[in-house]
C-alpha cells in the first residue's frame, strides 16, 4: 500500500471511531485525491478549527468553489457542526475527513462522480 492508501485508512478510522460514521470508501478516496498534495503536508493536511481564518478558507475554497454552494450562514453552521462531530478537543482534524463530512452533509457526492 502507498502513503495515500495509508492516509485513507487513517481517515476512515477517524470517521468510524471519532465521528460515528460508516465511511463510503469510494467517496472518501475521491475526496482525498481532491485534496491534492496537501494531505502529505503536516500543516495543510489538518484544519485548525479554532482559527476563524481557517474556517473561512474551508468555506470559500471548498464549499463555495469546489461544491458550488451559495454563500450563506448555513455554510458556517455546517462547518461548525462537522467540527463538533469530529470533537472540538480533537487536535488533528484531517482536512479530507472534514471535506468528506461536508460533502455528505450537503449531499454533494455528485461533485466527485
N, C-alpha and C. Protein backbone atom coordinates (compact mmCIF):
# COMPACT_ATOMS: atom_id res chain seq x y z
N UNK A 1 0.83 -1.20 0.00
CA UNK A 1 0.00 0.00 0.00
C UNK A 1 0.87 1.25 0.00
N UNK A 2 0.42 2.26 -0.71
CA UNK A 2 1.15 3.51 -0.76
C UNK A 2 0.78 4.42 0.39
N UNK A 3 1.46 5.54 0.44
CA UNK A 3 1.23 6.50 1.51
C UNK A 3 -0.20 7.03 1.48
N UNK A 4 -0.74 7.28 0.27
CA UNK A 4 -2.12 7.78 0.19
C UNK A 4 -3.09 6.74 0.74
N UNK A 5 -2.88 5.47 0.43
CA UNK A 5 -3.76 4.41 0.94
C UNK A 5 -3.72 4.36 2.47
N UNK A 6 -2.52 4.54 3.02
CA UNK A 6 -2.38 4.56 4.48
C UNK A 6 -3.18 5.73 5.08
N UNK A 7 -3.10 6.88 4.43
CA UNK A 7 -3.83 8.06 4.91
C UNK A 7 -5.34 7.84 4.81
N UNK A 8 -5.78 7.24 3.72
CA UNK A 8 -7.22 6.98 3.55
C UNK A 8 -7.71 6.04 4.66
N UNK A 9 -6.88 5.05 5.01
CA UNK A 9 -7.23 4.15 6.12
C UNK A 9 -7.36 4.93 7.43
N UNK A 10 -6.42 5.86 7.65
CA UNK A 10 -6.45 6.71 8.85
C UNK A 10 -7.74 7.55 8.88
N UNK A 11 -8.08 8.12 7.72
CA UNK A 11 -9.29 8.95 7.64
C UNK A 11 -10.54 8.11 7.90
N UNK A 12 -10.57 6.90 7.34
CA UNK A 12 -11.71 6.00 7.55
C UNK A 12 -11.85 5.65 9.02
N UNK A 13 -10.72 5.42 9.67
CA UNK A 13 -10.71 5.12 11.10
C UNK A 13 -11.26 6.29 11.90
N UNK A 14 -10.85 7.51 11.55
CA UNK A 14 -11.36 8.70 12.24
C UNK A 14 -12.87 8.83 12.05
N UNK A 15 -13.34 8.59 10.82
CA UNK A 15 -14.78 8.69 10.56
C UNK A 15 -15.56 7.69 11.40
N UNK A 16 -15.05 6.47 11.51
CA UNK A 16 -15.73 5.43 12.28
C UNK A 16 -15.66 5.71 13.77
N UNK A 17 -14.44 5.92 14.28
CA UNK A 17 -14.20 5.97 15.72
C UNK A 17 -14.45 7.32 16.37
N UNK A 18 -14.22 8.41 15.64
CA UNK A 18 -14.35 9.74 16.24
C UNK A 18 -15.64 10.44 15.83
N UNK A 19 -16.13 10.12 14.63
CA UNK A 19 -17.31 10.81 14.11
C UNK A 19 -18.55 9.93 14.08
N UNK A 20 -18.39 8.64 14.36
CA UNK A 20 -19.52 7.73 14.37
C UNK A 20 -20.16 7.53 13.01
N UNK A 21 -19.36 7.64 11.94
CA UNK A 21 -19.88 7.46 10.58
C UNK A 21 -19.28 6.22 9.96
N UNK A 22 -20.06 5.55 9.12
CA UNK A 22 -19.55 4.43 8.36
C UNK A 22 -19.15 4.99 7.00
N UNK A 23 -17.86 5.13 6.71
CA UNK A 23 -17.44 5.84 5.50
C UNK A 23 -17.72 5.10 4.20
N UNK A 24 -18.10 5.87 3.20
CA UNK A 24 -18.21 5.39 1.82
C UNK A 24 -16.78 5.49 1.28
N UNK A 25 -16.10 4.36 1.20
CA UNK A 25 -14.67 4.36 0.86
C UNK A 25 -14.39 4.95 -0.52
N UNK A 26 -15.30 4.73 -1.46
CA UNK A 26 -15.11 5.27 -2.81
C UNK A 26 -15.12 6.80 -2.76
N UNK A 27 -16.12 7.37 -2.06
CA UNK A 27 -16.21 8.82 -1.94
C UNK A 27 -15.02 9.36 -1.13
N UNK A 28 -14.67 8.69 -0.05
CA UNK A 28 -13.55 9.13 0.78
C UNK A 28 -12.26 9.17 -0.05
N UNK A 29 -12.06 8.18 -0.89
CA UNK A 29 -10.88 8.14 -1.76
C UNK A 29 -10.89 9.32 -2.72
N UNK A 30 -12.04 9.61 -3.33
CA UNK A 30 -12.15 10.72 -4.28
C UNK A 30 -11.92 12.07 -3.59
N UNK A 31 -12.49 12.23 -2.39
CA UNK A 31 -12.30 13.48 -1.64
C UNK A 31 -10.82 13.65 -1.28
N UNK A 32 -10.18 12.55 -0.86
CA UNK A 32 -8.76 12.59 -0.50
C UNK A 32 -7.92 12.98 -1.71
N UNK A 33 -8.18 12.37 -2.86
CA UNK A 33 -7.45 12.72 -4.09
C UNK A 33 -7.69 14.18 -4.44
N UNK A 34 -8.92 14.65 -4.22
CA UNK A 34 -9.27 16.04 -4.49
C UNK A 34 -8.51 17.04 -3.64
N UNK A 35 -8.04 16.61 -2.48
CA UNK A 35 -7.25 17.49 -1.60
C UNK A 35 -5.84 17.71 -2.16
N UNK A 36 -5.44 16.85 -3.08
CA UNK A 36 -4.13 17.00 -3.71
C UNK A 36 -2.98 16.78 -2.74
N UNK A 37 -1.85 17.43 -3.03
CA UNK A 37 -0.65 17.21 -2.22
C UNK A 37 -0.76 17.71 -0.78
N UNK A 38 -1.80 18.47 -0.47
CA UNK A 38 -1.98 19.00 0.89
C UNK A 38 -2.02 17.88 1.93
N UNK A 39 -2.50 16.68 1.54
CA UNK A 39 -2.62 15.59 2.53
C UNK A 39 -1.27 15.12 3.04
N UNK A 40 -0.20 15.42 2.31
CA UNK A 40 1.14 14.98 2.72
C UNK A 40 1.87 16.02 3.55
N UNK A 41 1.30 17.21 3.68
CA UNK A 41 1.93 18.30 4.44
C UNK A 41 1.29 18.35 5.83
N UNK A 42 2.13 18.26 6.85
CA UNK A 42 1.63 18.18 8.22
C UNK A 42 0.67 19.32 8.57
N UNK A 43 0.98 20.53 8.14
CA UNK A 43 0.14 21.68 8.47
C UNK A 43 -1.10 21.73 7.59
N UNK A 44 -0.93 21.55 6.29
CA UNK A 44 -2.05 21.67 5.35
C UNK A 44 -3.02 20.50 5.43
N UNK A 45 -2.58 19.35 5.95
CA UNK A 45 -3.45 18.17 5.98
C UNK A 45 -4.52 18.24 7.07
N UNK A 46 -4.39 19.22 7.97
CA UNK A 46 -5.37 19.35 9.04
C UNK A 46 -6.07 20.71 8.97
N UNK A 47 -7.22 20.78 9.60
CA UNK A 47 -7.99 22.02 9.67
C UNK A 47 -7.85 22.56 11.09
N UNK A 48 -7.32 23.77 11.20
CA UNK A 48 -7.19 24.42 12.51
C UNK A 48 -8.55 25.05 12.84
N UNK A 49 -9.41 24.26 13.47
CA UNK A 49 -10.79 24.68 13.67
C UNK A 49 -10.96 25.82 14.67
N UNK A 50 -9.91 26.14 15.40
CA UNK A 50 -10.01 27.24 16.35
C UNK A 50 -9.67 28.58 15.70
N UNK A 51 -9.20 28.53 14.45
CA UNK A 51 -8.86 29.77 13.74
C UNK A 51 -9.96 30.14 12.77
N UNK A 52 -10.54 31.31 13.00
CA UNK A 52 -11.64 31.79 12.16
C UNK A 52 -11.22 31.87 10.69
N UNK A 53 -9.98 32.31 10.45
CA UNK A 53 -9.50 32.46 9.06
C UNK A 53 -9.43 31.10 8.36
N UNK A 54 -9.09 30.06 9.10
CA UNK A 54 -9.03 28.71 8.53
C UNK A 54 -10.43 28.23 8.14
N UNK A 55 -11.41 28.51 8.98
CA UNK A 55 -12.78 28.11 8.69
C UNK A 55 -13.33 28.88 7.49
N UNK A 56 -12.93 30.14 7.37
CA UNK A 56 -13.33 30.95 6.20
C UNK A 56 -12.74 30.34 4.92
N UNK A 57 -11.49 29.87 5.01
CA UNK A 57 -10.83 29.24 3.87
C UNK A 57 -11.58 27.98 3.45
N UNK A 58 -11.97 27.16 4.41
CA UNK A 58 -12.75 25.95 4.12
C UNK A 58 -14.05 26.35 3.42
N UNK A 59 -14.70 27.37 3.96
CA UNK A 59 -15.97 27.83 3.39
C UNK A 59 -15.79 28.31 1.96
N UNK A 60 -14.82 29.21 1.74
CA UNK A 60 -14.65 29.82 0.42
C UNK A 60 -14.05 28.86 -0.62
N UNK A 61 -12.99 28.16 -0.24
CA UNK A 61 -12.30 27.32 -1.22
C UNK A 61 -12.95 25.97 -1.44
N UNK A 62 -13.59 25.43 -0.43
CA UNK A 62 -14.20 24.11 -0.59
C UNK A 62 -15.70 24.20 -0.85
N UNK A 63 -16.44 24.77 0.09
CA UNK A 63 -17.89 24.78 -0.05
C UNK A 63 -18.38 25.61 -1.23
N UNK A 64 -17.80 26.80 -1.42
CA UNK A 64 -18.28 27.68 -2.48
C UNK A 64 -17.63 27.34 -3.82
N UNK A 65 -16.30 27.26 -3.86
CA UNK A 65 -15.62 26.99 -5.13
C UNK A 65 -15.75 25.54 -5.59
N UNK A 66 -15.47 24.59 -4.71
CA UNK A 66 -15.46 23.18 -5.11
C UNK A 66 -16.87 22.60 -5.21
N UNK A 67 -17.67 22.78 -4.16
CA UNK A 67 -19.00 22.19 -4.15
C UNK A 67 -20.05 23.06 -4.84
N UNK A 68 -19.71 24.32 -5.12
CA UNK A 68 -20.62 25.20 -5.85
C UNK A 68 -21.81 25.68 -5.04
N UNK A 69 -21.64 25.78 -3.73
CA UNK A 69 -22.73 26.24 -2.87
C UNK A 69 -22.76 27.77 -2.80
N UNK A 70 -23.95 28.32 -2.59
CA UNK A 70 -24.10 29.76 -2.44
C UNK A 70 -23.72 30.14 -1.01
N UNK A 71 -23.06 31.28 -0.87
CA UNK A 71 -22.65 31.74 0.46
C UNK A 71 -23.88 32.06 1.31
N UNK A 72 -23.79 31.70 2.57
CA UNK A 72 -24.89 31.98 3.50
C UNK A 72 -24.51 31.46 4.87
N UNK A 73 -25.27 31.83 5.89
CA UNK A 73 -24.93 31.42 7.26
C UNK A 73 -24.92 29.90 7.45
N UNK A 74 -25.69 29.18 6.62
CA UNK A 74 -25.75 27.71 6.77
C UNK A 74 -24.40 27.05 6.48
N UNK A 75 -23.55 27.71 5.70
CA UNK A 75 -22.24 27.12 5.41
C UNK A 75 -21.38 27.05 6.67
N UNK A 76 -21.32 28.15 7.40
CA UNK A 76 -20.52 28.16 8.63
C UNK A 76 -21.16 27.27 9.69
N UNK A 77 -22.48 27.21 9.71
CA UNK A 77 -23.18 26.32 10.64
C UNK A 77 -22.80 24.87 10.36
N UNK A 78 -22.73 24.52 9.09
CA UNK A 78 -22.35 23.15 8.71
C UNK A 78 -20.91 22.86 9.11
N UNK A 79 -20.01 23.80 8.88
CA UNK A 79 -18.60 23.62 9.26
C UNK A 79 -18.52 23.41 10.77
N UNK A 80 -19.24 24.24 11.52
CA UNK A 80 -19.20 24.12 12.98
C UNK A 80 -19.79 22.79 13.45
N UNK A 81 -20.83 22.29 12.78
CA UNK A 81 -21.42 21.01 13.19
C UNK A 81 -20.47 19.86 12.88
N UNK A 82 -19.73 19.98 11.78
CA UNK A 82 -18.74 18.95 11.44
C UNK A 82 -17.60 18.96 12.47
N UNK A 83 -17.14 20.15 12.83
CA UNK A 83 -16.09 20.28 13.84
C UNK A 83 -16.57 19.68 15.17
N UNK A 84 -17.83 19.95 15.49
CA UNK A 84 -18.43 19.42 16.72
C UNK A 84 -18.48 17.89 16.67
N UNK A 85 -18.90 17.34 15.53
CA UNK A 85 -18.98 15.88 15.38
C UNK A 85 -17.60 15.24 15.47
N UNK A 86 -16.60 15.91 14.92
CA UNK A 86 -15.22 15.38 14.93
C UNK A 86 -14.68 15.42 16.36
N UNK A 87 -15.15 16.40 17.13
CA UNK A 87 -14.71 16.57 18.52
C UNK A 87 -13.84 17.80 18.63
N UNK A 88 -14.37 18.82 19.31
CA UNK A 88 -13.62 20.08 19.44
C UNK A 88 -12.25 19.87 20.04
N UNK A 89 -12.14 18.91 20.95
CA UNK A 89 -10.86 18.69 21.63
C UNK A 89 -9.88 17.88 20.77
N UNK A 90 -10.38 17.31 19.67
CA UNK A 90 -9.52 16.51 18.78
C UNK A 90 -8.55 17.45 18.08
N UNK A 91 -7.26 17.27 18.37
CA UNK A 91 -6.25 18.18 17.85
C UNK A 91 -6.09 18.08 16.34
N UNK A 92 -6.01 16.88 15.82
CA UNK A 92 -5.81 16.69 14.38
C UNK A 92 -7.13 16.39 13.68
N UNK A 93 -7.70 17.43 13.12
CA UNK A 93 -8.91 17.25 12.31
C UNK A 93 -8.43 17.22 10.86
N UNK A 94 -8.39 16.02 10.31
CA UNK A 94 -7.86 15.90 8.95
C UNK A 94 -8.77 16.58 7.93
N UNK A 95 -8.14 17.35 7.04
CA UNK A 95 -8.86 18.10 6.02
C UNK A 95 -9.76 17.17 5.18
N UNK A 96 -9.23 16.03 4.77
CA UNK A 96 -10.02 15.11 3.93
C UNK A 96 -11.26 14.62 4.67
N UNK A 97 -11.15 14.40 5.98
CA UNK A 97 -12.30 13.94 6.77
C UNK A 97 -13.34 15.06 6.88
N UNK A 98 -12.88 16.27 7.15
CA UNK A 98 -13.79 17.42 7.25
C UNK A 98 -14.49 17.64 5.91
N UNK A 99 -13.73 17.59 4.81
CA UNK A 99 -14.32 17.78 3.48
C UNK A 99 -15.31 16.66 3.16
N UNK A 100 -14.97 15.44 3.52
CA UNK A 100 -15.86 14.30 3.29
C UNK A 100 -17.19 14.53 4.02
N UNK A 101 -17.10 14.91 5.29
CA UNK A 101 -18.30 15.11 6.10
C UNK A 101 -19.15 16.27 5.56
N UNK A 102 -18.50 17.31 5.07
CA UNK A 102 -19.23 18.44 4.48
C UNK A 102 -19.90 18.03 3.17
N UNK A 103 -19.19 17.22 2.38
CA UNK A 103 -19.76 16.73 1.12
C UNK A 103 -21.03 15.93 1.40
N UNK A 104 -20.97 15.05 2.41
CA UNK A 104 -22.12 14.24 2.80
C UNK A 104 -23.25 15.13 3.36
N UNK A 105 -22.86 16.09 4.19
CA UNK A 105 -23.84 16.99 4.82
C UNK A 105 -24.69 17.70 3.77
N UNK A 106 -24.07 18.18 2.71
CA UNK A 106 -24.78 18.93 1.68
C UNK A 106 -25.27 18.03 0.53
N UNK A 107 -25.04 16.72 0.64
CA UNK A 107 -25.50 15.82 -0.41
C UNK A 107 -24.86 16.10 -1.76
N UNK A 108 -23.58 16.49 -1.74
CA UNK A 108 -22.89 16.89 -2.97
C UNK A 108 -21.94 15.82 -3.49
N UNK A 109 -22.25 14.56 -3.21
CA UNK A 109 -21.40 13.46 -3.67
C UNK A 109 -21.21 13.48 -5.19
N UNK A 110 -22.19 14.01 -5.91
CA UNK A 110 -22.13 14.05 -7.37
C UNK A 110 -20.95 14.88 -7.89
N UNK A 111 -20.46 15.82 -7.08
CA UNK A 111 -19.30 16.62 -7.47
C UNK A 111 -18.10 15.71 -7.72
N UNK A 112 -18.04 14.60 -6.98
CA UNK A 112 -16.95 13.66 -7.12
C UNK A 112 -17.31 12.47 -8.02
N UNK A 113 -18.48 12.57 -8.70
CA UNK A 113 -18.96 11.50 -9.56
C UNK A 113 -17.97 11.13 -10.60
